[in-house]
Amino acid sequence: MEARSKKVMDEERAGIVEFFQSLLREDVSWSIADEYPLVFGDSHFGIVKIDPQNSGFLAGQIEADFSGDSPAQIFLIEERGRLLAGLATLTREVEINLEHKAKVCFVGSVVTRPEHRQQGYQRDLFVALDGACRKASMDLILLWSNQLKFYEKLGFFLGGLQATWSSELKVPLAKDSSNLRSVSLTSSGETHFKSTWFESFNKKIMRVSRNSEEMRRLLKIPQMHIASTQNAYALYGKGEDFKNVCHEWAGPSDEVLLCLEKLRIEFGSLSLLSPGVLHSDEERLVVRQLESASYESRLEYLSLMKILNSEFTQDDFSPERLKYPFFIWGLDSI
């Protein structure tokens, strides 16, 4: 009986992955489970189905096991056995300063079948998600979208601060290019994971809490290239979300700059992300060298946020005040 139950669940999860694949990544050669390994690649992700005809879910009666075997939960609307809309969530503990961690629900892969749009399904999903997150004592919900007006009606606001650095000039980033021989450049799936990279990531402030096995899986995301030394790495071109962008880097500043220089030479130009407010001397040294190499920065909001814990206020995450210099290293694919 247990074996049959597992088979049924495996088949249901496979159908859910295919639903998101068909709406989000129909024209790519890889599986969405490879691009979002901690969500769709997790064989134990939770499933929460919403019935919009049942007003009970509006009262917060949704059961989502955020403390179960998987940090991923998929919220879905299904009618007569056919999936109509859905979204994915990933629960992460985030260090927001040296003394405080927050429990954050990241939301992504928000989809509705084209023929079922404008029927309020996404609003229904987010109402259910809000109730489930409050029940699980989440502090914040974060997501990325250009539909600002829609999400403002649901209580979200723009917050946090990040910088995107770019330059059309061919100015070297590394002071001593002879050391480039120490930099390895590999594509995802071909990289031999080093525990020192995980240690470098873990030294960062404002980062998600993830283990080394999760990081190992994230380094296999399609399309990505990894420039690395013994103690530093820089990730470039992850999946469809970060084409032509270095979205994560960590390690001693001199080695990080060598990794960035390797990427610049290989791909001709380089755009990369950094915190809008710098948290460490290593970050400051890297940014100082970017400025010296005539890179220009564009400051922008980190994400849409919704506060669930009354300990926080919207002003805490406003770029004008920033009680918490909110930028999150290691934002996982979702």
C-alpha atoms as a PDB file:
ATOM      1  CA  MET A   1       0.000   0.000   0.000  1.00  0.00           C
ATOM      2  CA  GLU A   2       2.811   2.399   0.867  1.00  0.00           C
ATOM      3  CA  ALA A   3       4.613   1.605  -2.407  1.00  0.00           C
ATOM      4  CA  ARG A   4       1.426   2.342  -4.380  1.00  0.00           C
ATOM      5  CA  SER A   5       0.929   5.589  -2.485  1.00  0.00           C
ATOM      6  CA  LYS A   6       4.480   6.674  -3.312  1.00  0.00           C
ATOM      7  CA  LYS A   7       3.938   5.829  -6.985  1.00  0.00           C
ATOM      8  CA  VAL A   8       0.782   7.924  -7.073  1.00  0.00           C
ATOM      9  CA  MET A   9       2.580  10.854  -5.440  1.00  0.00           C
ATOM     10  CA  ASP A  10       5.520  10.549  -7.837  1.00  0.00           C
ATOM     11  CA  GLU A  11       3.145  10.611 -10.807  1.00  0.00           C
ATOM     12  CA  GLU A  12       1.312  13.622  -9.407  1.00  0.00           C
ATOM     13  CA  ARG A  13       4.552  15.529  -8.865  1.00  0.00           C
ATOM     14  CA  ALA A  14       5.678  14.672 -12.403  1.00  0.00           C
ATOM     15  CA  GLY A  15       2.408  16.107 -13.728  1.00  0.00           C
ATOM     16  CA  ILE A  16       2.909  19.280 -11.699  1.00  0.00           C
ATOM     17  CA  VAL A  17       6.451  19.733 -13.017  1.00  0.00           C
ATOM     18  CA  GLU A  18       5.173  19.282 -16.580  1.00  0.00           C
ATOM     19  CA  PHE A  19       2.447  21.903 -15.955  1.00  0.00           C
ATOM     20  CA  PHE A  20       5.037  24.525 -14.957  1.00  0.00           C
ATOM     21  CA  GLN A  21       7.402  23.414 -17.737  1.00  0.00           C
ATOM     22  CA  SER A  22       4.726  23.920 -20.393  1.00  0.00           C
ATOM     23  CA  LEU A  23       3.916  27.452 -19.221  1.00  0.00           C
ATOM     24  CA  LEU A  24       7.388  28.705 -18.272  1.00  0.00           C
ATOM     25  CA  ARG A  25      10.051  26.769 -20.183  1.00  0.00           C
ATOM     26  CA  GLU A  26       8.334  25.174 -23.171  1.00  0.00           C
ATOM     27  CA  ASP A  27      11.001  26.318 -25.638  1.00  0.00           C
ATOM     28  CA  VAL A  28      14.178  25.321 -23.787  1.00  0.00           C
ATOM     29  CA  SER A  29      16.123  22.092 -24.034  1.00  0.00           C
ATOM     30  CA  TRP A  30      16.367  21.419 -20.298  1.00  0.00           C
ATOM     31  CA  SER A  31      13.901  20.483 -17.604  1.00  0.00           C
ATOM     32  CA  ILE A  32      12.573  23.136 -15.247  1.00  0.00           C
ATOM     33  CA  ALA A  33      13.532  20.691 -12.486  1.00  0.00           C
ATOM     34  CA  ASP A  34      17.183  21.221 -13.445  1.00  0.00           C
ATOM     35  CA  GLU A  35      16.840  25.012 -13.466  1.00  0.00           C
ATOM     36  CA  TYR A  36      14.982  25.104 -10.139  1.00  0.00           C
ATOM     37  CA  PRO A  37      16.524  22.083  -8.378  1.00  0.00           C
ATOM     38  CA  LEU A  38      15.492  23.016  -4.842  1.00  0.00           C
ATOM     39  CA  VAL A  39      11.848  23.334  -5.864  1.00  0.00           C
ATOM     40  CA  PHE A  40      10.830  21.224  -8.857  1.00  0.00           C
ATOM     41  CA  GLY A  41      13.898  19.011  -8.559  1.00  0.00           C
ATOM     42  CA  ASP A  42      12.930  18.027  -5.028  1.00  0.00           C
ATOM     43  CA  SER A  43      11.127  14.689  -5.076  1.00  0.00           C
ATOM     44  CA  HIS A  44       9.402  15.563  -1.800  1.00  0.00           C
ATOM     45  CA  PHE A  45       8.022  19.043  -2.539  1.00  0.00           C
ATOM     46  CA  GLY A  46       4.754  19.741  -0.773  1.00  0.00           C
ATOM     47  CA  ILE A  47       1.488  20.088  -2.700  1.00  0.00           C
ATOM     48  CA  VAL A  48      -1.270  22.472  -1.600  1.00  0.00           C
ATOM     49  CA  LYS A  49      -4.406  22.472  -3.742  1.00  0.00           C
ATOM     50  CA  ILE A  50      -6.882  25.331  -3.499  1.00  0.00           C
ATOM     51  CA  ASP A  51     -10.592  25.151  -4.269  1.00  0.00           C
ATOM     52  CA  PRO A  52     -11.802  28.690  -5.067  1.00  0.00           C
ATOM     53  CA  GLN A  53     -15.397  27.496  -4.699  1.00  0.00           C
ATOM     54  CA  ASN A  54     -14.769  26.710  -1.026  1.00  0.00           C
ATOM     55  CA  SER A  55     -14.727  29.929   0.987  1.00  0.00           C
ATOM     56  CA  GLY A  56     -13.032  28.059   3.828  1.00  0.00           C
ATOM     57  CA  PHE A  57      -9.595  28.605   2.352  1.00  0.00           C
ATOM     58  CA  LEU A  58     -10.131  32.365   2.595  1.00  0.00           C
ATOM     59  CA  ALA A  59     -10.326  31.988   6.355  1.00  0.00           C
ATOM     60  CA  GLY A  60      -6.810  30.570   6.496  1.00  0.00           C
ATOM     61  CA  GLN A  61      -7.764  26.916   6.720  1.00  0.00           C
ATOM     62  CA  ILE A  62      -5.068  25.874   4.249  1.00  0.00           C
ATOM     63  CA  GLU A  63      -2.582  23.275   5.475  1.00  0.00           C
ATOM     64  CA  ALA A  64       0.926  23.785   4.125  1.00  0.00           C
ATOM     65  CA  ASP A  65       3.706  21.856   5.835  1.00  0.00           C
ATOM     66  CA  PHE A  66       6.520  24.405   5.764  1.00  0.00           C
ATOM     67  CA  SER A  67       8.380  22.364   8.381  1.00  0.00           C
ATOM     68  CA  GLY A  68       8.255  19.064   6.507  1.00  0.00           C
ATOM     69  CA  ASP A  69      10.866  17.108   4.574  1.00  0.00           C
ATOM     70  CA  SER A  70      11.109  19.784   1.866  1.00  0.00           C
ATOM     71  CA  PRO A  71      11.382  23.582   2.133  1.00  0.00           C
ATOM     72  CA  ALA A  72       9.450  23.784  -1.159  1.00  0.00           C
ATOM     73  CA  GLN A  73       5.649  23.992  -1.333  1.00  0.00           C
ATOM     74  CA  ILE A  74       3.652  24.235  -4.579  1.00  0.00           C
ATOM     75  CA  PHE A  75       0.263  25.996  -4.382  1.00  0.00           C
ATOM     76  CA  LEU A  76      -2.190  24.998  -7.118  1.00  0.00           C
ATOM     77  CA  ILE A  77      -5.724  25.513  -8.383  1.00  0.00           C
ATOM     78  CA  GLU A  78      -7.195  22.419  -9.983  1.00  0.00           C
ATOM     79  CA  GLU A  79     -10.571  21.903 -11.622  1.00  0.00           C
ATOM     80  CA  ARG A  80     -11.875  18.479 -12.679  1.00  0.00           C
ATOM     81  CA  GLY A  81      -8.374  17.047 -12.492  1.00  0.00           C
ATOM     82  CA  ARG A  82      -6.810  19.803 -14.642  1.00  0.00           C
ATOM     83  CA  LEU A  83      -4.292  22.268 -13.208  1.00  0.00           C
ATOM     84  CA  LEU A  84      -5.257  25.864 -13.977  1.00  0.00           C
ATOM     85  CA  ALA A  85      -2.878  28.045 -11.951  1.00  0.00           C
ATOM     86  CA  GLY A  86      -0.013  27.723  -9.537  1.00  0.00           C
ATOM     87  CA  LEU A  87       2.974  29.203  -7.770  1.00  0.00           C
ATOM     88  CA  ALA A  88       6.054  27.821  -6.082  1.00  0.00           C
ATOM     89  CA  THR A  89       7.457  28.713  -2.672  1.00  0.00           C
ATOM     90  CA  LEU A  90      10.753  28.081  -0.952  1.00  0.00           C
ATOM     91  CA  THR A  91      11.209  28.728   2.764  1.00  0.00           C
ATOM     92  CA  ARG A  92      14.559  30.134   3.794  1.00  0.00           C
ATOM     93  CA  GLU A  93      16.099  31.549   6.950  1.00  0.00           C
ATOM     94  CA  VAL A  94      17.837  34.818   6.046  1.00  0.00           C
ATOM     95  CA  GLU A  95      20.430  36.653   8.097  1.00  0.00           C
ATOM     96  CA  ILE A  96      19.321  40.279   7.896  1.00  0.00           C
ATOM     97  CA  ASN A  97      21.979  41.616  10.223  1.00  0.00           C
ATOM     98  CA  LEU A  98      24.563  40.209  12.637  1.00  0.00           C
ATOM     99  CA  GLU A  99      21.988  39.834  15.393  1.00  0.00           C
ATOM    100  CA  HIS A 100      18.809  38.905  13.584  1.00  0.00           C
ATOM    101  CA  LYS A 101      17.511  36.194  11.264  1.00  0.00           C
ATOM    102  CA  ALA A 102      14.173  36.238   9.494  1.00  0.00           C
ATOM    103  CA  LYS A 103      12.015  33.375   8.247  1.00  0.00           C
ATOM    104  CA  VAL A 104      11.242  34.238   4.629  1.00  0.00           C
ATOM    105  CA  CYS A 105       8.923  32.641   2.093  1.00  0.00           C
ATOM    106  CA  PHE A 106      10.260  33.209  -1.438  1.00  0.00           C
ATOM    107  CA  VAL A 107       7.655  33.030  -4.205  1.00  0.00           C
ATOM    108  CA  GLY A 108       8.227  32.383  -7.884  1.00  0.00           C
ATOM    109  CA  SER A 109       6.981  30.574 -10.989  1.00  0.00           C
ATOM    110  CA  VAL A 110       3.602  32.308 -10.746  1.00  0.00           C
ATOM    111  CA  VAL A 111       1.532  30.967 -13.665  1.00  0.00           C
ATOM    112  CA  THR A 112      -2.024  30.680 -15.002  1.00  0.00           C
ATOM    113  CA  ARG A 113      -3.143  28.944 -18.160  1.00  0.00           C
ATOM    114  CA  PRO A 114      -3.791  31.692 -20.777  1.00  0.00           C
ATOM    115  CA  GLU A 115      -7.441  30.718 -21.235  1.00  0.00           C
ATOM    116  CA  HIS A 116      -8.080  31.011 -17.485  1.00  0.00           C
ATOM    117  CA  ARG A 117      -6.522  34.402 -16.790  1.00  0.00           C
ATOM    118  CA  GLN A 118      -8.470  37.381 -15.422  1.00  0.00           C
ATOM    119  CA  GLN A 119     -10.548  35.065 -13.219  1.00  0.00           C
ATOM    120  CA  GLY A 120      -8.919  35.906  -9.880  1.00  0.00           C
ATOM    121  CA  TYR A 121      -7.020  32.633  -9.510  1.00  0.00           C
ATOM    122  CA  GLN A 122      -3.721  34.284  -8.589  1.00  0.00           C
ATOM    123  CA  ARG A 123      -5.438  36.409  -5.983  1.00  0.00           C
ATOM    124  CA  ASP A 124      -6.952  33.217  -4.537  1.00  0.00           C
ATOM    125  CA  LEU A 125      -3.535  31.565  -4.432  1.00  0.00           C
ATOM    126  CA  PHE A 126      -1.913  34.509  -2.671  1.00  0.00           C
ATOM    127  CA  VAL A 127      -4.734  34.763  -0.128  1.00  0.00           C
ATOM    128  CA  ALA A 128      -4.205  31.086   0.672  1.00  0.00           C
ATOM    129  CA  LEU A 129      -0.426  31.539   0.782  1.00  0.00           C
ATOM    130  CA  ASP A 130      -0.739  34.500   3.149  1.00  0.00           C
ATOM    131  CA  GLY A 131      -2.839  32.477   5.576  1.00  0.00           C
ATOM    132  CA  ALA A 132      -0.481  29.501   5.439  1.00  0.00           C
ATOM    133  CA  CYS A 133       2.591  31.706   6.010  1.00  0.00           C
ATOM    134  CA  ARG A 134       1.033  33.442   8.992  1.00  0.00           C
ATOM    135  CA  LYS A 135       0.115  30.094  10.484  1.00  0.00           C
ATOM    136  CA  ALA A 136       3.753  29.004  10.054  1.00  0.00           C
ATOM    137  CA  SER A 137       5.013  32.232  11.714  1.00  0.00           C
ATOM    138  CA  MET A 138       6.812  33.536   8.627  1.00  0.00           C
ATOM    139  CA  ASP A 139       8.285  37.016   8.886  1.00  0.00           C
ATOM    140  CA  LEU A 140       8.263  38.060   5.224  1.00  0.00           C
ATOM    141  CA  ILE A 141       7.086  37.015   1.764  1.00  0.00           C
ATOM    142  CA  LEU A 142       9.336  38.009  -1.167  1.00  0.00           C
ATOM    143  CA  LEU A 143       8.726  37.810  -4.904  1.00  0.00           C
ATOM    144  CA  TRP A 144       9.825  39.361  -8.203  1.00  0.00           C
ATOM    145  CA  SER A 145       7.309  40.768 -10.687  1.00  0.00           C
ATOM    146  CA  ASN A 146       6.654  43.815 -12.854  1.00  0.00           C
ATOM    147  CA  GLN A 147       2.931  43.685 -11.984  1.00  0.00           C
ATOM    148  CA  LEU A 148       3.354  46.213  -9.204  1.00  0.00           C
ATOM    149  CA  LYS A 149      -0.259  47.435  -9.023  1.00  0.00           C
ATOM    150  CA  PHE A 150      -1.640  43.914  -8.694  1.00  0.00           C
ATOM    151  CA  TYR A 151       0.682  42.986  -5.839  1.00  0.00           C
ATOM    152  CA  GLU A 152       0.263  46.312  -4.048  1.00  0.00           C
ATOM    153  CA  LYS A 153      -3.420  45.430  -3.671  1.00  0.00           C
ATOM    154  CA  LEU A 154      -2.283  42.253  -1.906  1.00  0.00           C
ATOM    155  CA  GLY A 155      -0.115  44.170   0.569  1.00  0.00           C
ATOM    156  CA  PHE A 156       3.254  44.016  -1.178  1.00  0.00           C
ATOM    157  CA  PHE A 157       5.664  46.926  -1.568  1.00  0.00           C
ATOM    158  CA  LEU A 158       9.037  47.499  -3.230  1.00  0.00           C
ATOM    159  CA  GLY A 159      11.935  47.262  -0.792  1.00  0.00           C
ATOM    160  CA  GLY A 160      15.596  46.458  -0.335  1.00  0.00           C
ATOM    161  CA  LEU A 161      18.444  47.749  -2.476  1.00  0.00           C
ATOM    162  CA  GLN A 162      20.779  46.148  -4.995  1.00  0.00           C
ATOM    163  CA  ALA A 163      23.236  47.470  -7.569  1.00  0.00           C
ATOM    164  CA  THR A 164      23.793  46.243 -11.108  1.00  0.00           C
ATOM    165  CA  TRP A 165      27.284  47.012 -12.409  1.00  0.00           C
ATOM    166  CA  SER A 166      28.142  47.158 -16.104  1.00  0.00           C
ATOM    167  CA  SER A 167      30.684  48.651 -18.491  1.00  0.00           C
ATOM    168  CA  GLU A 168      31.268  48.677 -22.235  1.00  0.00           C
ATOM    169  CA  LEU A 169      34.949  49.459 -21.750  1.00  0.00           C
ATOM    170  CA  LYS A 170      37.622  46.757 -21.868  1.00  0.00           C
ATOM    171  CA  VAL A 171      39.380  47.781 -18.658  1.00  0.00           C
ATOM    172  CA  PRO A 172      40.933  44.866 -16.718  1.00  0.00           C
ATOM    173  CA  LEU A 173      39.490  44.162 -13.294  1.00  0.00           C
ATOM    174  CA  ALA A 174      42.428  42.175 -11.919  1.00  0.00           C
ATOM    175  CA  LYS A 175      45.543  44.114 -10.988  1.00  0.00           C
ATOM    176  CA  ASP A 176      47.875  41.271 -11.957  1.00  0.00           C
ATOM    177  CA  SER A 177      46.510  39.374 -14.962  1.00  0.00           C
ATOM    178  CA  SER A 178      49.396  36.895 -14.804  1.00  0.00           C
ATOM    179  CA  ASN A 179      47.512  35.210 -11.962  1.00  0.00           C
ATOM    180  CA  LEU A 180      44.641  34.348 -14.320  1.00  0.00           C
ATOM    181  CA  ARG A 181      46.291  30.975 -14.811  1.00  0.00           C
ATOM    182  CA  SER A 182      44.965  30.065 -11.366  1.00  0.00           C
ATOM    183  CA  VAL A 183      41.341  30.605 -12.471  1.00  0.00           C
ATOM    184  CA  SER A 184      39.268  27.728 -13.755  1.00  0.00           C
ATOM    185  CA  LEU A 185      36.266  28.356 -16.021  1.00  0.00           C
ATOM    186  CA  THR A 186      33.746  25.532 -16.339  1.00  0.00           C
ATOM    187  CA  SER A 187      30.127  25.138 -17.362  1.00  0.00           C
ATOM    188  CA  SER A 188      27.460  23.868 -14.992  1.00  0.00           C
ATOM    189  CA  GLY A 189      27.531  20.133 -14.567  1.00  0.00           C
ATOM    190  CA  GLU A 190      31.284  19.989 -15.181  1.00  0.00           C
ATOM    191  CA  THR A 191      32.365  21.783 -12.029  1.00  0.00           C
ATOM    192  CA  HIS A 192      34.046  19.932  -9.191  1.00  0.00           C
ATOM    193  CA  PHE A 193      32.580  21.445  -6.047  1.00  0.00           C
ATOM    194  CA  LYS A 194      35.017  22.786  -3.443  1.00  0.00           C
ATOM    195  CA  SER A 195      34.030  23.051   0.211  1.00  0.00           C
ATOM    196  CA  THR A 196      36.029  26.302   0.421  1.00  0.00           C
ATOM    197  CA  TRP A 197      33.451  27.963  -1.868  1.00  0.00           C
ATOM    198  CA  PHE A 198      30.707  27.068   0.590  1.00  0.00           C
ATOM    199  CA  GLU A 199      32.836  28.401   3.440  1.00  0.00           C
ATOM    200  CA  SER A 200      33.341  31.689   1.546  1.00  0.00           C
ATOM    201  CA  PHE A 201      29.603  31.975   0.904  1.00  0.00           C
ATOM    202  CA  ASN A 202      28.841  31.317   4.567  1.00  0.00           C
ATOM    203  CA  LYS A 203      30.991  34.277   5.634  1.00  0.00           C
ATOM    204  CA  LYS A 204      28.633  36.698   3.930  1.00  0.00           C
ATOM    205  CA  ILE A 205      26.135  38.785   5.837  1.00  0.00           C
ATOM    206  CA  MET A 206      22.594  38.991   4.424  1.00  0.00           C
ATOM    207  CA  ARG A 207      22.513  35.494   2.945  1.00  0.00           C
ATOM    208  CA  VAL A 208      20.154  32.577   2.803  1.00  0.00           C
ATOM    209  CA  SER A 209      20.893  29.612   5.016  1.00  0.00           C
ATOM    210  CA  ARG A 210      21.669  26.689   2.735  1.00  0.00           C
ATOM    211  CA  ASN A 211      23.791  23.585   3.154  1.00  0.00           C
ATOM    212  CA  SER A 212      26.678  22.422   1.000  1.00  0.00           C
ATOM    213  CA  GLU A 213      24.587  19.784  -0.802  1.00  0.00           C
ATOM    214  CA  GLU A 214      22.038  22.428  -1.815  1.00  0.00           C
ATOM    215  CA  MET A 215      24.852  24.622  -3.102  1.00  0.00           C
ATOM    216  CA  ARG A 216      26.307  21.678  -5.018  1.00  0.00           C
ATOM    217  CA  ARG A 217      22.944  21.174  -6.761  1.00  0.00           C
ATOM    218  CA  LEU A 218      22.598  24.873  -7.551  1.00  0.00           C
ATOM    219  CA  LEU A 219      25.970  24.851  -9.320  1.00  0.00           C
ATOM    220  CA  LYS A 220      24.499  22.413 -11.864  1.00  0.00           C
ATOM    221  CA  ILE A 221      21.788  24.778 -13.134  1.00  0.00           C
ATOM    222  CA  PRO A 222      21.765  24.867 -16.975  1.00  0.00           C
ATOM    223  CA  GLN A 223      23.445  27.673 -18.930  1.00  0.00           C
ATOM    224  CA  MET A 224      25.640  28.694 -15.991  1.00  0.00           C
ATOM    225  CA  HIS A 225      29.414  29.182 -16.068  1.00  0.00           C
ATOM    226  CA  ILE A 226      31.582  29.107 -12.956  1.00  0.00           C
ATOM    227  CA  ALA A 227      34.865  30.986 -12.729  1.00  0.00           C
ATOM    228  CA  SER A 228      36.736  29.791  -9.660  1.00  0.00           C
ATOM    229  CA  THR A 229      39.944  29.683  -7.690  1.00  0.00           C
ATOM    230  CA  GLN A 230      40.700  27.632  -4.603  1.00  0.00           C
ATOM    231  CA  ASN A 231      38.798  30.006  -2.290  1.00  0.00           C
ATOM    232  CA  ALA A 232      36.558  32.134  -4.546  1.00  0.00           C
ATOM    233  CA  TYR A 233      33.961  31.754  -7.256  1.00  0.00           C
ATOM    234  CA  ALA A 234      31.722  33.848  -9.534  1.00  0.00           C
ATOM    235  CA  LEU A 235      28.541  32.469 -11.143  1.00  0.00           C
ATOM    236  CA  TYR A 236      27.498  33.716 -14.585  1.00  0.00           C
ATOM    237  CA  GLY A 237      24.437  33.167 -16.780  1.00  0.00           C
ATOM    238  CA  LYS A 238      22.164  31.020 -14.607  1.00  0.00           C
ATOM    239  CA  GLY A 239      19.240  29.493 -16.517  1.00  0.00           C
ATOM    240  CA  GLU A 240      16.806  31.918 -18.147  1.00  0.00           C
ATOM    241  CA  ASP A 241      16.651  34.266 -15.152  1.00  0.00           C
ATOM    242  CA  PHE A 242      20.240  35.559 -15.193  1.00  0.00           C
ATOM    243  CA  LYS A 243      21.377  35.484 -18.804  1.00  0.00           C
ATOM    244  CA  ASN A 244      24.661  37.393 -19.219  1.00  0.00           C
ATOM    245  CA  VAL A 245      24.732  38.377 -15.531  1.00  0.00           C
ATOM    246  CA  CYS A 246      27.043  37.398 -12.671  1.00  0.00           C
ATOM    247  CA  HIS A 247      24.504  37.058  -9.869  1.00  0.00           C
ATOM    248  CA  GLU A 248      26.675  35.592  -7.102  1.00  0.00           C
ATOM    249  CA  TRP A 249      30.313  35.843  -6.082  1.00  0.00           C
ATOM    250  CA  ALA A 250      32.194  35.105  -2.873  1.00  0.00           C
ATOM    251  CA  GLY A 251      35.680  34.743  -1.474  1.00  0.00           C
ATOM    252  CA  PRO A 252      38.784  36.882  -0.911  1.00  0.00           C
ATOM    253  CA  SER A 253      38.530  40.079  -2.968  1.00  0.00           C
ATOM    254  CA  ASP A 254      41.729  39.506  -4.982  1.00  0.00           C
ATOM    255  CA  GLU A 255      40.543  36.046  -6.031  1.00  0.00           C
ATOM    256  CA  VAL A 256      36.997  37.266  -6.770  1.00  0.00           C
ATOM    257  CA  LEU A 257      38.437  39.937  -9.078  1.00  0.00           C
ATOM    258  CA  LEU A 258      40.453  37.294 -10.910  1.00  0.00           C
ATOM    259  CA  CYS A 259      37.252  35.279 -11.404  1.00  0.00           C
ATOM    260  CA  LEU A 260      35.399  38.340 -12.692  1.00  0.00           C
ATOM    261  CA  GLU A 261      38.273  39.175 -15.057  1.00  0.00           C
ATOM    262  CA  LYS A 262      38.160  35.629 -16.432  1.00  0.00           C
ATOM    263  CA  LEU A 263      34.437  36.050 -17.143  1.00  0.00           C
ATOM    264  CA  ARG A 264      34.985  39.466 -18.732  1.00  0.00           C
ATOM    265  CA  ILE A 265      37.640  38.118 -21.087  1.00  0.00           C
ATOM    266  CA  GLU A 266      35.614  35.041 -21.982  1.00  0.00           C
ATOM    267  CA  PHE A 267      32.286  36.770 -22.642  1.00  0.00           C
ATOM    268  CA  GLY A 268      33.470  40.186 -23.851  1.00  0.00           C
ATOM    269  CA  SER A 269      31.505  42.245 -21.333  1.00  0.00           C
ATOM    270  CA  LEU A 270      30.269  41.710 -17.822  1.00  0.00           C
ATOM    271  CA  SER A 271      27.280  42.740 -15.733  1.00  0.00           C
ATOM    272  CA  LEU A 272      27.131  41.756 -12.093  1.00  0.00           C
ATOM    273  CA  LEU A 273      25.040  42.256  -8.997  1.00  0.00           C
ATOM    274  CA  SER A 274      26.115  43.543  -5.609  1.00  0.00           C
ATOM    275  CA  PRO A 275      24.382  44.806  -2.479  1.00  0.00           C
ATOM    276  CA  GLY A 276      23.197  48.399  -2.674  1.00  0.00           C
ATOM    277  CA  VAL A 277      24.694  48.833   0.798  1.00  0.00           C
ATOM    278  CA  LEU A 278      28.011  47.021   1.194  1.00  0.00           C
ATOM    279  CA  HIS A 279      28.376  44.682   4.161  1.00  0.00           C
ATOM    280  CA  SER A 280      32.023  43.687   4.299  1.00  0.00           C
ATOM    281  CA  ASP A 281      35.541  44.840   3.477  1.00  0.00           C
ATOM    282  CA  GLU A 282      35.782  42.212   0.745  1.00  0.00           C
ATOM    283  CA  GLU A 283      32.666  43.572  -0.963  1.00  0.00           C
ATOM    284  CA  ARG A 284      33.991  47.126  -0.655  1.00  0.00           C
ATOM    285  CA  LEU A 285      37.328  46.162  -2.218  1.00  0.00           C
ATOM    286  CA  VAL A 286      35.605  44.470  -5.170  1.00  0.00           C
ATOM    287  CA  VAL A 287      33.279  47.432  -5.728  1.00  0.00           C
ATOM    288  CA  ARG A 288      36.170  49.888  -5.425  1.00  0.00           C
ATOM    289  CA  GLN A 289      37.950  48.037  -8.229  1.00  0.00           C
ATOM    290  CA  LEU A 290      34.782  48.048 -10.342  1.00  0.00           C
ATOM    291  CA  GLU A 291      34.642  51.818  -9.972  1.00  0.00           C
ATOM    292  CA  SER A 292      38.333  52.116 -10.858  1.00  0.00           C
ATOM    293  CA  ALA A 293      37.657  50.099 -14.029  1.00  0.00           C
ATOM    294  CA  SER A 294      34.901  52.573 -15.040  1.00  0.00           C
ATOM    295  CA  TYR A 295      31.999  50.283 -14.211  1.00  0.00           C
ATOM    296  CA  GLU A 296      28.758  52.163 -13.609  1.00  0.00           C
ATOM    297  CA  SER A 297      26.117  51.072 -11.131  1.00  0.00           C
ATOM    298  CA  ARG A 298      22.350  51.234 -11.359  1.00  0.00           C
ATOM    299  CA  LEU A 299      20.591  51.115  -7.994  1.00  0.00           C
ATOM    300  CA  GLU A 300      17.243  49.348  -7.904  1.00  0.00           C
ATOM    301  CA  TYR A 301      14.834  47.715  -5.505  1.00  0.00           C
ATOM    302  CA  LEU A 302      15.654  44.163  -4.498  1.00  0.00           C
ATOM    303  CA  SER A 303      12.127  42.729  -4.672  1.00  0.00           C
ATOM    304  CA  LEU A 304       8.477  42.997  -3.766  1.00  0.00           C
ATOM    305  CA  MET A 305       7.964  42.302  -0.065  1.00  0.00           C
ATOM    306  CA  LYS A 306       5.103  41.659   2.292  1.00  0.00           C
ATOM    307  CA  ILE A 307       5.562  41.942   6.046  1.00  0.00           C
ATOM    308  CA  LEU A 308       3.847  39.340   8.230  1.00  0.00           C
ATOM    309  CA  ASN A 309       5.662  40.006  11.511  1.00  0.00           C
ATOM    310  CA  SER A 310       4.699  43.240  13.285  1.00  0.00           C
ATOM    311  CA  GLU A 311       8.284  43.551  14.516  1.00  0.00           C
ATOM    312  CA  PHE A 312       9.127  44.929  11.057  1.00  0.00           C
ATOM    313  CA  THR A 313       7.801  48.021   9.297  1.00  0.00           C
ATOM    314  CA  GLN A 314       7.849  49.050   5.652  1.00  0.00           C
ATOM    315  CA  ASP A 315      10.268  51.859   6.469  1.00  0.00           C
ATOM    316  CA  ASP A 316      12.800  49.271   7.698  1.00  0.00           C
ATOM    317  CA  PHE A 317      13.281  48.153   4.085  1.00  0.00           C
ATOM    318  CA  SER A 318      12.886  51.490   2.323  1.00  0.00           C
ATOM    319  CA  PRO A 319      16.080  52.532   0.444  1.00  0.00           C
ATOM    320  CA  GLU A 320      15.735  55.984   2.005  1.00  0.00           C
ATOM    321  CA  ARG A 321      16.042  54.581   5.531  1.00  0.00           C
ATOM    322  CA  LEU A 322      17.135  50.924   5.382  1.00  0.00           C
ATOM    323  CA  LYS A 323      17.228  49.950   9.007  1.00  0.00           C
ATOM    324  CA  TYR A 324      18.164  46.580   7.498  1.00  0.00           C
ATOM    325  CA  PRO A 325      20.538  46.980   4.488  1.00  0.00           C
ATOM    326  CA  PHE A 326      18.432  44.447   2.654  1.00  0.00           C
ATOM    327  CA  PHE A 327      20.160  42.470  -0.064  1.00  0.00           C
ATOM    328  CA  ILE A 328      20.140  38.675  -0.054  1.00  0.00           C
ATOM    329  CA  TRP A 329      23.144  36.685  -1.200  1.00  0.00           C
ATOM    330  CA  GLY A 330      22.308  33.248  -2.553  1.00  0.00           C
ATOM    331  CA  LEU A 331      18.784  33.866  -3.756  1.00  0.00           C
ATOM    332  CA  ASP A 332      17.812  30.397  -4.909  1.00  0.00           C
ATOM    333  CA  SER A 333      16.085  29.707  -8.199  1.00  0.00           C
ATOM    334  CA  ILE A 334      12.335  29.489  -7.743  1.00  0.00           C
END
